[in-house]
C-alpha atoms as a PDB file:
ATOM      1  CA  MET A   1       6.193  23.953 123.177  1.00  0.00           C
ATOM      2  CA  ARG A   2       5.833  24.177 126.948  1.00  0.00           C
ATOM      3  CA  LYS A   3       7.595  20.834 127.405  1.00  0.00           C
ATOM      4  CA  GLU A   4      10.548  22.120 125.433  1.00  0.00           C
ATOM      5  CA  LEU A   5      10.737  25.293 127.532  1.00  0.00           C
ATOM      6  CA  ARG A   6      10.593  23.283 130.746  1.00  0.00           C
ATOM      7  CA  LYS A   7      13.331  21.019 129.467  1.00  0.00           C
ATOM      8  CA  LEU A   8      15.454  24.036 128.496  1.00  0.00           C
ATOM      9  CA  ARG A   9      14.919  25.645 131.908  1.00  0.00           C
ATOM     10  CA  LYS A  10      15.857  22.404 133.614  1.00  0.00           C
ATOM     11  CA  ASN A  11      19.132  21.997 131.736  1.00  0.00           C
ATOM     12  CA  LYS A  12      20.280  25.668 131.878  1.00  0.00           C
ATOM     13  CA  LYS A  13      23.538  25.110 130.031  1.00  0.00           C
ATOM     14  CA  ALA A  14      23.817  28.628 128.628  1.00  0.00           C
ATOM     15  CA  PHE A  15      26.914  30.769 128.981  1.00  0.00           C
ATOM     16  CA  THR A  16      26.850  33.537 131.548  1.00  0.00           C
ATOM     17  CA  ILE A  17      28.961  36.579 132.335  1.00  0.00           C
ATOM     18  CA  GLY A  18      30.746  34.449 134.943  1.00  0.00           C
ATOM     19  CA  ASP A  19      32.141  32.292 132.142  1.00  0.00           C
ATOM     20  CA  LEU A  20      33.735  35.318 130.481  1.00  0.00           C
ATOM     21  CA  GLY A  21      36.815  35.236 132.711  1.00  0.00           C
ATOM     22  CA  ASN A  22      37.608  31.609 131.946  1.00  0.00           C
ATOM     23  CA  ILE A  23      37.102  32.147 128.245  1.00  0.00           C
ATOM     24  CA  ALA A  24      39.328  35.244 128.253  1.00  0.00           C
ATOM     25  CA  ILE A  25      42.104  33.430 130.116  1.00  0.00           C
ATOM     26  CA  SER A  26      41.926  30.472 127.731  1.00  0.00           C
ATOM     27  CA  PHE A  27      42.027  32.778 124.733  1.00  0.00           C
ATOM     28  CA  GLY A  28      44.983  34.693 126.205  1.00  0.00           C
ATOM     29  CA  VAL A  29      46.907  31.472 126.817  1.00  0.00           C
ATOM     30  CA  ALA A  30      46.258  30.376 123.233  1.00  0.00           C
ATOM     31  CA  VAL A  31      47.571  33.695 121.903  1.00  0.00           C
ATOM     32  CA  VAL A  32      50.705  33.539 124.063  1.00  0.00           C
ATOM     33  CA  VAL A  33      51.418  29.940 123.007  1.00  0.00           C
ATOM     34  CA  ILE A  34      51.097  30.833 119.325  1.00  0.00           C
ATOM     35  CA  VAL A  35      53.358  33.880 119.724  1.00  0.00           C
ATOM     36  CA  VAL A  36      56.037  31.902 121.588  1.00  0.00           C
ATOM     37  CA  MET A  37      55.914  29.144 118.982  1.00  0.00           C
ATOM     38  CA  ALA A  38      56.277  31.707 116.192  1.00  0.00           C
ATOM     39  CA  VAL A  39      59.279  33.329 117.888  1.00  0.00           C
ATOM     40  CA  ILE A  40      60.983  29.963 118.344  1.00  0.00           C
ATOM     41  CA  VAL A  41      60.382  28.914 114.741  1.00  0.00           C
ATOM     42  CA  GLN A  42      61.534  32.325 113.472  1.00  0.00           C
ATOM     43  CA  THR A  43      64.739  32.039 115.514  1.00  0.00           C
ATOM     44  CA  LEU A  44      65.371  28.573 114.106  1.00  0.00           C
ATOM     45  CA  ARG A  45      64.762  29.892 110.596  1.00  0.00           C
ATOM     46  CA  ASP A  46      67.142  32.836 111.064  1.00  0.00           C
ATOM     47  CA  ASP A  47      69.924  30.517 112.270  1.00  0.00           C
ATOM     48  CA  GLN A  48      69.768  28.537 109.030  1.00  0.00           C
ATOM     49  CA  THR A  49      71.792  30.435 106.484  1.00  0.00           C
ATOM     50  CA  THR A  50      71.346  28.300 103.364  1.00  0.00           C
ATOM     51  CA  ALA A  51      68.087  28.880 101.569  1.00  0.00           C
ATOM     52  CA  ASP A  52      67.411  25.530  99.910  1.00  0.00           C
ATOM     53  CA  THR A  53      67.802  23.074 102.785  1.00  0.00           C
ATOM     54  CA  ALA A  54      65.066  20.836 104.111  1.00  0.00           C
ATOM     55  CA  ALA A  55      65.313  22.444 107.545  1.00  0.00           C
ATOM     56  CA  ARG A  56      64.819  25.922 106.070  1.00  0.00           C
ATOM     57  CA  ASN A  57      61.823  24.722 104.070  1.00  0.00           C
ATOM     58  CA  ALA A  58      60.332  23.071 107.173  1.00  0.00           C
ATOM     59  CA  THR A  59      60.645  26.228 109.259  1.00  0.00           C
ATOM     60  CA  ASP A  60      59.170  28.313 106.429  1.00  0.00           C
ATOM     61  CA  PHE A  61      56.240  25.906 106.290  1.00  0.00           C
ATOM     62  CA  GLY A  62      55.924  26.082 110.102  1.00  0.00           C
ATOM     63  CA  LEU A  63      55.810  29.883 110.035  1.00  0.00           C
ATOM     64  CA  SER A  64      53.182  29.770 107.303  1.00  0.00           C
ATOM     65  CA  ALA A  65      51.086  27.337 109.352  1.00  0.00           C
ATOM     66  CA  LEU A  66      51.355  29.522 112.469  1.00  0.00           C
ATOM     67  CA  ASN A  67      50.326  32.541 110.414  1.00  0.00           C
ATOM     68  CA  THR A  68      47.262  30.672 109.162  1.00  0.00           C
ATOM     69  CA  LEU A  69      46.387  29.497 112.677  1.00  0.00           C
ATOM     70  CA  SER A  70      46.732  32.974 114.146  1.00  0.00           C
ATOM     71  CA  SER A  71      44.489  34.437 111.447  1.00  0.00           C
ATOM     72  CA  PHE A  72      41.584  32.458 112.951  1.00  0.00           C
ATOM     73  CA  LEU A  73      41.964  33.959 116.441  1.00  0.00           C
ATOM     74  CA  PRO A  74      39.630  36.934 115.839  1.00  0.00           C
ATOM     75  CA  LEU A  75      36.974  34.527 114.583  1.00  0.00           C
ATOM     76  CA  VAL A  76      37.366  32.393 117.719  1.00  0.00           C
ATOM     77  CA  ALA A  77      37.027  35.487 119.917  1.00  0.00           C
ATOM     78  CA  LEU A  78      33.923  36.577 118.028  1.00  0.00           C
ATOM     79  CA  ALA A  79      32.375  33.124 118.412  1.00  0.00           C
ATOM     80  CA  ALA A  80      33.073  33.113 122.160  1.00  0.00           C
ATOM     81  CA  VAL A  81      31.535  36.553 122.649  1.00  0.00           C
ATOM     82  CA  GLY A  82      28.574  35.568 120.482  1.00  0.00           C
ATOM     83  CA  ALA A  83      27.986  32.440 122.565  1.00  0.00           C
ATOM     84  CA  ILE A  84      28.025  34.488 125.763  1.00  0.00           C
ATOM     85  CA  VAL A  85      25.600  37.064 124.346  1.00  0.00           C
ATOM     86  CA  ILE A  86      23.243  34.327 123.151  1.00  0.00           C
ATOM     87  CA  GLY A  87      23.458  32.659 126.560  1.00  0.00           C
ATOM     88  CA  ILE A  88      22.607  35.905 128.347  1.00  0.00           C
ATOM     89  CA  VAL A  89      19.654  36.565 126.041  1.00  0.00           C
ATOM     90  CA  ILE A  90      18.313  33.022 126.509  1.00  0.00           C
ATOM     91  CA  ARG A  91      18.658  33.264 130.270  1.00  0.00           C
ATOM     92  CA  PHE A  92      16.928  36.659 130.283  1.00  0.00           C
ATOM     93  CA  PHE A  93      13.941  35.370 128.310  1.00  0.00           C
ATOM     94  CA  LEU A  94      13.688  32.199 130.408  1.00  0.00           C
ATOM     95  CA  GLN A  95      13.620  34.213 133.634  1.00  0.00           C
ATOM     96  CA  LYS A  96      11.115  36.645 132.151  1.00  0.00           C
ATOM     97  CA  GLN A  97       8.676  33.827 131.357  1.00  0.00           C
ATOM     98  CA  GLN A  98       8.745  32.409 134.879  1.00  0.00           C
END
């Protein structure tokens, strides 16, 4: 058990509060990219007046895919916050044992 703790202390690859800024910026960029892509695909879809063309079906499928992708963003944010909290707790307990 002590060997494992020493090895864990030596590696120290846990997330910290300092990582929160980078994670937030990355998440914000991902959200902006998805929104811009959705606006572009929606504009393309609105310019196509006939309903049964291949292009209209492709843009409808693209909008559906972007909707599915964006529905996972809260889960990604929760996972990132959870990883940071776990990293802080691990670091706290490792420093407390020293």
